[in-house]
Amino acid sequence: MFALPLWWIAGRGLETLVAIRRKLITPRIRWIEAAISLLLLFFGTIGIAGFFFNGFDFLAVHFSDLLWGFLGGIILLAWRKQRRIPEPIEFSAANEGESQQA
């Protein structure tokens, strides 16, 4: 039950990466999802560091740390790429009249 929101956020990150390749802005990664993914990346990295410093005990735990660190990194990558896409400019009828007068 605890992992369900984490998998949902990971799925949104992958969906966003596909949308960025198609030059789409939606779905947007919100700051809370980026913060959760930063925690995933942090704790996954700590777990992998424990793998190298503590030996090869509990190998399955270290593989799960690698997985969560990887998924956290993907979400942060999608968030960063999405923030670099310029926002679309919305033109209104009032703006069209001003640009024609100039």
C-alpha atoms as a PDB file:
ATOM      1  CA  MET A   1       0.000   0.000   0.000  1.00  0.00           C
ATOM      2  CA  PHE A   2       2.895   2.362   0.796  1.00  0.00           C
ATOM      3  CA  ALA A   3       4.556   1.794  -2.591  1.00  0.00           C
ATOM      4  CA  LEU A   4       1.462   2.569  -4.684  1.00  0.00           C
ATOM      5  CA  PRO A   5       1.881   6.395  -4.634  1.00  0.00           C
ATOM      6  CA  LEU A   6       5.587   5.988  -5.365  1.00  0.00           C
ATOM      7  CA  TRP A   7       4.886   3.841  -8.426  1.00  0.00           C
ATOM      8  CA  TRP A   8       2.255   6.367  -9.537  1.00  0.00           C
ATOM      9  CA  ILE A   9       4.810   9.201  -9.342  1.00  0.00           C
ATOM     10  CA  ALA A  10       7.371   7.079 -11.210  1.00  0.00           C
ATOM     11  CA  GLY A  11       4.795   6.409 -13.932  1.00  0.00           C
ATOM     12  CA  ARG A  12       4.083  10.121 -14.243  1.00  0.00           C
ATOM     13  CA  GLY A  13       7.796  10.777 -14.647  1.00  0.00           C
ATOM     14  CA  LEU A  14       8.077   8.267 -17.479  1.00  0.00           C
ATOM     15  CA  GLU A  15       4.897   9.608 -19.081  1.00  0.00           C
ATOM     16  CA  THR A  16       6.304  13.134 -18.900  1.00  0.00           C
ATOM     17  CA  LEU A  17       9.551  12.079 -20.579  1.00  0.00           C
ATOM     18  CA  VAL A  18       7.549  10.603 -23.464  1.00  0.00           C
ATOM     19  CA  ALA A  19       5.446  13.793 -23.682  1.00  0.00           C
ATOM     20  CA  ILE A  20       8.578  15.979 -23.757  1.00  0.00           C
ATOM     21  CA  ARG A  21       9.891  14.016 -26.736  1.00  0.00           C
ATOM     22  CA  ARG A  22       6.605  14.813 -28.505  1.00  0.00           C
ATOM     23  CA  LYS A  23       7.004  18.532 -27.604  1.00  0.00           C
ATOM     24  CA  LEU A  24       4.003  18.473 -25.248  1.00  0.00           C
ATOM     25  CA  ILE A  25       3.823  20.329 -21.956  1.00  0.00           C
ATOM     26  CA  THR A  26       1.346  18.054 -20.158  1.00  0.00           C
ATOM     27  CA  PRO A  27       1.461  16.179 -17.800  1.00  0.00           C
ATOM     28  CA  ARG A  28       3.341  18.653 -15.607  1.00  0.00           C
ATOM     29  CA  ILE A  29       5.504  17.404 -12.772  1.00  0.00           C
ATOM     30  CA  ARG A  30       4.611  19.400  -9.662  1.00  0.00           C
ATOM     31  CA  TRP A  31       7.116  20.489  -7.041  1.00  0.00           C
ATOM     32  CA  ILE A  32       5.817  17.959  -4.501  1.00  0.00           C
ATOM     33  CA  GLU A  33       6.472  15.113  -6.943  1.00  0.00           C
ATOM     34  CA  ALA A  34       9.951  16.474  -7.581  1.00  0.00           C
ATOM     35  CA  ALA A  35      10.586  16.660  -3.831  1.00  0.00           C
ATOM     36  CA  ILE A  36       9.451  13.062  -3.331  1.00  0.00           C
ATOM     37  CA  SER A  37      11.644  11.950  -6.216  1.00  0.00           C
ATOM     38  CA  LEU A  38      14.598  13.772  -4.669  1.00  0.00           C
ATOM     39  CA  LEU A  39      14.021  11.761  -1.494  1.00  0.00           C
ATOM     40  CA  LEU A  40      13.832   8.563  -3.548  1.00  0.00           C
ATOM     41  CA  LEU A  41      17.086   9.410  -5.266  1.00  0.00           C
ATOM     42  CA  PHE A  42      18.748  10.345  -1.968  1.00  0.00           C
ATOM     43  CA  PHE A  43      17.739   7.201  -0.071  1.00  0.00           C
ATOM     44  CA  GLY A  44      18.435   4.996  -3.090  1.00  0.00           C
ATOM     45  CA  THR A  45      21.928   6.466  -3.318  1.00  0.00           C
ATOM     46  CA  ILE A  46      22.479   5.957   0.415  1.00  0.00           C
ATOM     47  CA  GLY A  47      21.399   2.339   0.037  1.00  0.00           C
ATOM     48  CA  ILE A  48      23.769   1.752  -2.871  1.00  0.00           C
ATOM     49  CA  ALA A  49      26.604   3.331  -0.882  1.00  0.00           C
ATOM     50  CA  GLY A  50      25.788   0.892   1.922  1.00  0.00           C
ATOM     51  CA  PHE A  51      26.153  -1.923  -0.595  1.00  0.00           C
ATOM     52  CA  PHE A  52      29.750  -0.952  -1.265  1.00  0.00           C
ATOM     53  CA  PHE A  53      30.701  -0.231   2.335  1.00  0.00           C
ATOM     54  CA  ASN A  54      28.901  -3.066   4.155  1.00  0.00           C
ATOM     55  CA  GLY A  55      29.440  -5.914   1.752  1.00  0.00           C
ATOM     56  CA  PHE A  56      27.095  -8.109  -0.194  1.00  0.00           C
ATOM     57  CA  ASP A  57      24.604  -9.021   2.509  1.00  0.00           C
ATOM     58  CA  PHE A  58      20.910  -8.556   1.707  1.00  0.00           C
ATOM     59  CA  LEU A  59      21.484  -8.230  -2.015  1.00  0.00           C
ATOM     60  CA  ALA A  60      17.750  -7.902  -2.769  1.00  0.00           C
ATOM     61  CA  VAL A  61      17.531  -4.796  -0.576  1.00  0.00           C
ATOM     62  CA  HIS A  62      20.367  -3.183  -2.480  1.00  0.00           C
ATOM     63  CA  PHE A  63      18.719  -3.963  -5.811  1.00  0.00           C
ATOM     64  CA  SER A  64      15.547  -2.263  -4.577  1.00  0.00           C
ATOM     65  CA  ASP A  65      17.643   0.743  -3.521  1.00  0.00           C
ATOM     66  CA  LEU A  66      19.065   0.856  -7.037  1.00  0.00           C
ATOM     67  CA  LEU A  67      15.562   0.698  -8.517  1.00  0.00           C
ATOM     68  CA  TRP A  68      14.173   3.511  -6.354  1.00  0.00           C
ATOM     69  CA  GLY A  69      17.240   5.665  -6.923  1.00  0.00           C
ATOM     70  CA  PHE A  70      16.881   5.147 -10.667  1.00  0.00           C
ATOM     71  CA  LEU A  71      13.170   6.000 -10.642  1.00  0.00           C
ATOM     72  CA  GLY A  72      13.810   9.093  -8.525  1.00  0.00           C
ATOM     73  CA  GLY A  73      16.463  10.188 -11.007  1.00  0.00           C
ATOM     74  CA  ILE A  74      14.093   9.735 -13.950  1.00  0.00           C
ATOM     75  CA  ILE A  75      11.446  11.896 -12.322  1.00  0.00           C
ATOM     76  CA  LEU A  76      13.957  14.638 -11.525  1.00  0.00           C
ATOM     77  CA  LEU A  77      15.250  14.480 -15.103  1.00  0.00           C
ATOM     78  CA  ALA A  78      11.698  14.863 -16.442  1.00  0.00           C
ATOM     79  CA  TRP A  79      11.008  17.763 -14.058  1.00  0.00           C
ATOM     80  CA  ARG A  80      14.207  19.540 -15.117  1.00  0.00           C
ATOM     81  CA  LYS A  81      13.556  19.073 -18.827  1.00  0.00           C
ATOM     82  CA  GLN A  82       9.983  20.204 -18.418  1.00  0.00           C
ATOM     83  CA  ARG A  83      11.011  23.392 -16.650  1.00  0.00           C
ATOM     84  CA  ARG A  84      13.291  24.250 -19.564  1.00  0.00           C
ATOM     85  CA  ILE A  85      10.402  24.182 -22.063  1.00  0.00           C
ATOM     86  CA  PRO A  86       9.209  27.762 -22.628  1.00  0.00           C
ATOM     87  CA  GLU A  87       5.645  28.488 -21.627  1.00  0.00           C
ATOM     88  CA  PRO A  88       3.273  29.026 -24.570  1.00  0.00           C
ATOM     89  CA  ILE A  89       2.383  32.649 -25.216  1.00  0.00           C
ATOM     90  CA  GLU A  90      -1.333  33.316 -25.125  1.00  0.00           C
ATOM     91  CA  PHE A  91      -2.562  36.061 -27.410  1.00  0.00           C
ATOM     92  CA  SER A  92      -5.804  37.854 -26.762  1.00  0.00           C
ATOM     93  CA  ALA A  93      -7.798  40.171 -28.975  1.00  0.00           C
ATOM     94  CA  ALA A  94      -6.508  43.179 -27.013  1.00  0.00           C
ATOM     95  CA  ASN A  95      -2.908  42.188 -27.670  1.00  0.00           C
ATOM     96  CA  GLU A  96      -3.570  41.822 -31.412  1.00  0.00           C
ATOM     97  CA  GLY A  97      -4.897  45.385 -31.602  1.00  0.00           C
ATOM     98  CA  GLU A  98      -1.814  46.754 -29.837  1.00  0.00           C
ATOM     99  CA  SER A  99       0.598  44.935 -32.114  1.00  0.00           C
ATOM    100  CA  GLN A 100      -1.142  46.181 -35.265  1.00  0.00           C
ATOM    101  CA  GLN A 101      -0.951  49.816 -34.126  1.00  0.00           C
ATOM    102  CA  ALA A 102       2.812  49.682 -33.547  1.00  0.00           C
END
